[in-house]
Amino acid sequence: MFYNEFTFLNNSTIYVRFASSFAIEKVAELLQAKGLEPEISFIRAKEVFGVESEKASLYIHNLQHFFDIEFIQKVYEYISRKALFQDPILFGSYDHILRMVQGVHNSSLSEDELKQIRQISQANRFGIALIR
């Protein structure tokens, strides 16, 4: 159920809020599948994205800039595990994103992939949507 989040992110604030809730709802849905109550799963899904949970879909969009849909599904699973244990992820931090990608990636990362992760973390830190 992916849609072009980039279209929403470059329009009015109402659409940004709608797009942002998509990533939170996806994580909350995965938490509910693990047995959490809907209210608790939504709270934990917001908390895993930290104080800037309104930018959750922007963070996922920037990851989609370099990685495919299958990889993003694994990222959602990783995020939901972190949310289950109430361990926030700082999406503007190179270290946090690197740890997440290494937790999802099946092989060692190339130098090009490390550069991509650095670019993603910098874009996330400044709230910029990467364009393909």
C-alpha atoms as a PDB file:
ATOM      1  CA  MET A   1       0.000   0.000   0.000  1.00  0.00           C
ATOM      2  CA  PHE A   2       2.707   2.436  -1.006  1.00  0.00           C
ATOM      3  CA  TYR A   3       1.845   5.666  -2.727  1.00  0.00           C
ATOM      4  CA  ASN A   4       3.917   8.464  -4.061  1.00  0.00           C
ATOM      5  CA  GLU A   5       4.728  10.228  -0.795  1.00  0.00           C
ATOM      6  CA  PHE A   6       6.853  12.789  -2.620  1.00  0.00           C
ATOM      7  CA  THR A   7       3.728  14.324  -4.175  1.00  0.00           C
ATOM      8  CA  PHE A   8       2.206  14.811  -0.746  1.00  0.00           C
ATOM      9  CA  LEU A   9       5.374  16.136   0.846  1.00  0.00           C
ATOM     10  CA  ASN A  10       5.658  19.018  -1.586  1.00  0.00           C
ATOM     11  CA  ASN A  11       2.097  20.281  -1.134  1.00  0.00           C
ATOM     12  CA  SER A  12       0.284  21.943   1.743  1.00  0.00           C
ATOM     13  CA  THR A  13       0.752  21.112   5.425  1.00  0.00           C
ATOM     14  CA  ILE A  14      -2.466  19.087   5.574  1.00  0.00           C
ATOM     15  CA  TYR A  15      -1.040  16.593   3.111  1.00  0.00           C
ATOM     16  CA  VAL A  16       2.280  16.422   4.938  1.00  0.00           C
ATOM     17  CA  ARG A  17       0.419  15.412   8.089  1.00  0.00           C
ATOM     18  CA  PHE A  18      -1.520  12.790   6.132  1.00  0.00           C
ATOM     19  CA  ALA A  19       1.659  11.381   4.571  1.00  0.00           C
ATOM     20  CA  SER A  20       3.430  11.400   7.922  1.00  0.00           C
ATOM     21  CA  SER A  21       0.710   9.376   9.551  1.00  0.00           C
ATOM     22  CA  PHE A  22       1.181   6.624   6.943  1.00  0.00           C
ATOM     23  CA  ALA A  23       4.534   5.469   8.332  1.00  0.00           C
ATOM     24  CA  ILE A  24       3.264   5.648  11.903  1.00  0.00           C
ATOM     25  CA  GLU A  25       0.133   3.719  10.987  1.00  0.00           C
ATOM     26  CA  LYS A  26       2.206   1.059   9.214  1.00  0.00           C
ATOM     27  CA  VAL A  27       4.402   0.563  12.283  1.00  0.00           C
ATOM     28  CA  ALA A  28       1.330   0.564  14.558  1.00  0.00           C
ATOM     29  CA  GLU A  29      -0.281  -2.075  12.325  1.00  0.00           C
ATOM     30  CA  LEU A  30       2.806  -4.293  12.645  1.00  0.00           C
ATOM     31  CA  LEU A  31       2.768  -3.822  16.421  1.00  0.00           C
ATOM     32  CA  GLN A  32      -0.883  -4.827  16.559  1.00  0.00           C
ATOM     33  CA  ALA A  33       0.007  -7.974  14.626  1.00  0.00           C
ATOM     34  CA  LYS A  34       2.482  -8.720  17.436  1.00  0.00           C
ATOM     35  CA  GLY A  35      -0.357  -8.510  19.973  1.00  0.00           C
ATOM     36  CA  LEU A  36      -0.343  -4.921  21.246  1.00  0.00           C
ATOM     37  CA  GLU A  37      -3.579  -3.006  21.781  1.00  0.00           C
ATOM     38  CA  PRO A  38      -4.344  -0.423  19.040  1.00  0.00           C
ATOM     39  CA  GLU A  39      -3.918   2.612  21.337  1.00  0.00           C
ATOM     40  CA  ILE A  40      -0.620   1.392  22.758  1.00  0.00           C
ATOM     41  CA  SER A  41       0.703   0.407  19.335  1.00  0.00           C
ATOM     42  CA  PHE A  42      -0.016   3.885  17.952  1.00  0.00           C
ATOM     43  CA  ILE A  43       1.708   5.564  20.917  1.00  0.00           C
ATOM     44  CA  ARG A  44       4.781   3.348  20.587  1.00  0.00           C
ATOM     45  CA  ALA A  45       4.874   3.858  16.825  1.00  0.00           C
ATOM     46  CA  LYS A  46       5.017   7.628  17.347  1.00  0.00           C
ATOM     47  CA  GLU A  47       7.634   7.311  20.084  1.00  0.00           C
ATOM     48  CA  VAL A  48      10.027   5.248  17.953  1.00  0.00           C
ATOM     49  CA  PHE A  49      10.322   8.187  15.530  1.00  0.00           C
ATOM     50  CA  GLY A  50      11.240  10.482  18.423  1.00  0.00           C
ATOM     51  CA  VAL A  51      10.231  14.075  18.968  1.00  0.00           C
ATOM     52  CA  GLU A  52       9.812  14.674  15.237  1.00  0.00           C
ATOM     53  CA  SER A  53       7.286  11.923  14.544  1.00  0.00           C
ATOM     54  CA  GLU A  54       5.493  14.228  12.091  1.00  0.00           C
ATOM     55  CA  LYS A  55       8.416  13.628   9.709  1.00  0.00           C
ATOM     56  CA  ALA A  56       8.139   9.823   9.852  1.00  0.00           C
ATOM     57  CA  SER A  57       7.082   9.374   6.223  1.00  0.00           C
ATOM     58  CA  LEU A  58       9.757  11.808   5.072  1.00  0.00           C
ATOM     59  CA  TYR A  59      12.348   9.570   6.725  1.00  0.00           C
ATOM     60  CA  ILE A  60      10.938   6.480   4.994  1.00  0.00           C
ATOM     61  CA  HIS A  61      10.706   8.369   1.691  1.00  0.00           C
ATOM     62  CA  ASN A  62      14.402   9.216   1.884  1.00  0.00           C
ATOM     63  CA  LEU A  63      15.234   5.563   2.481  1.00  0.00           C
ATOM     64  CA  GLN A  64      13.115   4.639  -0.552  1.00  0.00           C
ATOM     65  CA  HIS A  65      15.264   7.009  -2.575  1.00  0.00           C
ATOM     66  CA  PHE A  66      18.101   4.440  -2.500  1.00  0.00           C
ATOM     67  CA  PHE A  67      16.511   1.141  -1.478  1.00  0.00           C
ATOM     68  CA  ASP A  68      13.747  -0.993  -3.008  1.00  0.00           C
ATOM     69  CA  ILE A  69      10.280  -1.790  -1.653  1.00  0.00           C
ATOM     70  CA  GLU A  70      11.303  -5.202  -0.302  1.00  0.00           C
ATOM     71  CA  PHE A  71      14.075  -3.581   1.710  1.00  0.00           C
ATOM     72  CA  ILE A  72      11.651  -0.928   3.021  1.00  0.00           C
ATOM     73  CA  GLN A  73       9.306  -3.673   4.233  1.00  0.00           C
ATOM     74  CA  LYS A  74      12.215  -5.076   6.268  1.00  0.00           C
ATOM     75  CA  VAL A  75      12.901  -1.567   7.575  1.00  0.00           C
ATOM     76  CA  TYR A  76       9.299  -1.326   8.798  1.00  0.00           C
ATOM     77  CA  GLU A  77       9.765  -4.659  10.589  1.00  0.00           C
ATOM     78  CA  TYR A  78      12.978  -3.362  12.184  1.00  0.00           C
ATOM     79  CA  ILE A  79      11.242  -0.152  13.275  1.00  0.00           C
ATOM     80  CA  SER A  80       8.332  -2.107  14.734  1.00  0.00           C
ATOM     81  CA  ARG A  81      10.742  -4.274  16.779  1.00  0.00           C
ATOM     82  CA  LYS A  82      12.398  -1.116  18.106  1.00  0.00           C
ATOM     83  CA  ALA A  83       8.974   0.344  18.915  1.00  0.00           C
ATOM     84  CA  LEU A  84       7.951  -2.846  20.699  1.00  0.00           C
ATOM     85  CA  PHE A  85      10.867  -2.400  23.101  1.00  0.00           C
ATOM     86  CA  GLN A  86      10.409   1.397  23.229  1.00  0.00           C
ATOM     87  CA  ASP A  87      13.821   2.068  21.724  1.00  0.00           C
ATOM     88  CA  PRO A  88      13.671   5.289  19.642  1.00  0.00           C
ATOM     89  CA  ILE A  89      15.548   5.672  16.367  1.00  0.00           C
ATOM     90  CA  LEU A  90      17.139   9.002  15.499  1.00  0.00           C
ATOM     91  CA  PHE A  91      16.616   9.219  11.738  1.00  0.00           C
ATOM     92  CA  GLY A  92      18.880  12.260  11.486  1.00  0.00           C
ATOM     93  CA  SER A  93      21.760  10.302  12.995  1.00  0.00           C
ATOM     94  CA  TYR A  94      24.161   8.507  10.677  1.00  0.00           C
ATOM     95  CA  ASP A  95      24.917   5.947  13.388  1.00  0.00           C
ATOM     96  CA  HIS A  96      21.259   5.080  13.971  1.00  0.00           C
ATOM     97  CA  ILE A  97      20.468   4.718  10.281  1.00  0.00           C
ATOM     98  CA  LEU A  98      23.629   2.714   9.704  1.00  0.00           C
ATOM     99  CA  ARG A  99      22.688   0.373  12.568  1.00  0.00           C
ATOM    100  CA  MET A 100      19.189   0.002  11.132  1.00  0.00           C
ATOM    101  CA  VAL A 101      20.420  -0.720   7.591  1.00  0.00           C
ATOM    102  CA  GLN A 102      22.991  -3.204   8.886  1.00  0.00           C
ATOM    103  CA  GLY A 103      20.246  -4.896  10.900  1.00  0.00           C
ATOM    104  CA  VAL A 104      18.156  -5.306   7.748  1.00  0.00           C
ATOM    105  CA  HIS A 105      20.854  -5.794   5.106  1.00  0.00           C
ATOM    106  CA  ASN A 106      21.992  -9.374   4.499  1.00  0.00           C
ATOM    107  CA  SER A 107      25.569  -8.583   3.486  1.00  0.00           C
ATOM    108  CA  SER A 108      28.251  -6.065   4.316  1.00  0.00           C
ATOM    109  CA  LEU A 109      27.704  -2.566   3.022  1.00  0.00           C
ATOM    110  CA  SER A 110      29.692  -1.134   0.148  1.00  0.00           C
ATOM    111  CA  GLU A 111      31.369   2.254   0.242  1.00  0.00           C
ATOM    112  CA  ASP A 112      28.660   3.612  -2.068  1.00  0.00           C
ATOM    113  CA  GLU A 113      25.923   2.393   0.282  1.00  0.00           C
ATOM    114  CA  LEU A 114      27.670   4.044   3.225  1.00  0.00           C
ATOM    115  CA  LYS A 115      27.717   7.334   1.283  1.00  0.00           C
ATOM    116  CA  GLN A 116      24.008   6.907   0.557  1.00  0.00           C
ATOM    117  CA  ILE A 117      23.278   6.371   4.239  1.00  0.00           C
ATOM    118  CA  ARG A 118      25.218   9.524   5.087  1.00  0.00           C
ATOM    119  CA  GLN A 119      23.193  11.467   2.495  1.00  0.00           C
ATOM    120  CA  ILE A 120      19.937  10.073   3.903  1.00  0.00           C
ATOM    121  CA  SER A 121      20.865  11.026   7.466  1.00  0.00           C
ATOM    122  CA  GLN A 122      21.819  14.555   6.402  1.00  0.00           C
ATOM    123  CA  ALA A 123      18.573  15.004   4.463  1.00  0.00           C
ATOM    124  CA  ASN A 124      16.595  13.705   7.442  1.00  0.00           C
ATOM    125  CA  ARG A 125      18.410  16.003   9.855  1.00  0.00           C
ATOM    126  CA  PHE A 126      17.375  19.039   7.825  1.00  0.00           C
ATOM    127  CA  GLY A 127      13.922  17.707   6.882  1.00  0.00           C
ATOM    128  CA  ILE A 128      14.659  17.605   3.137  1.00  0.00           C
ATOM    129  CA  ALA A 129      12.973  15.160   0.761  1.00  0.00           C
ATOM    130  CA  LEU A 130      15.437  13.491  -1.606  1.00  0.00           C
ATOM    131  CA  ILE A 131      14.404  13.567  -5.267  1.00  0.00           C
ATOM    132  CA  ARG A 132      15.088  10.751  -7.692  1.00  0.00           C
END
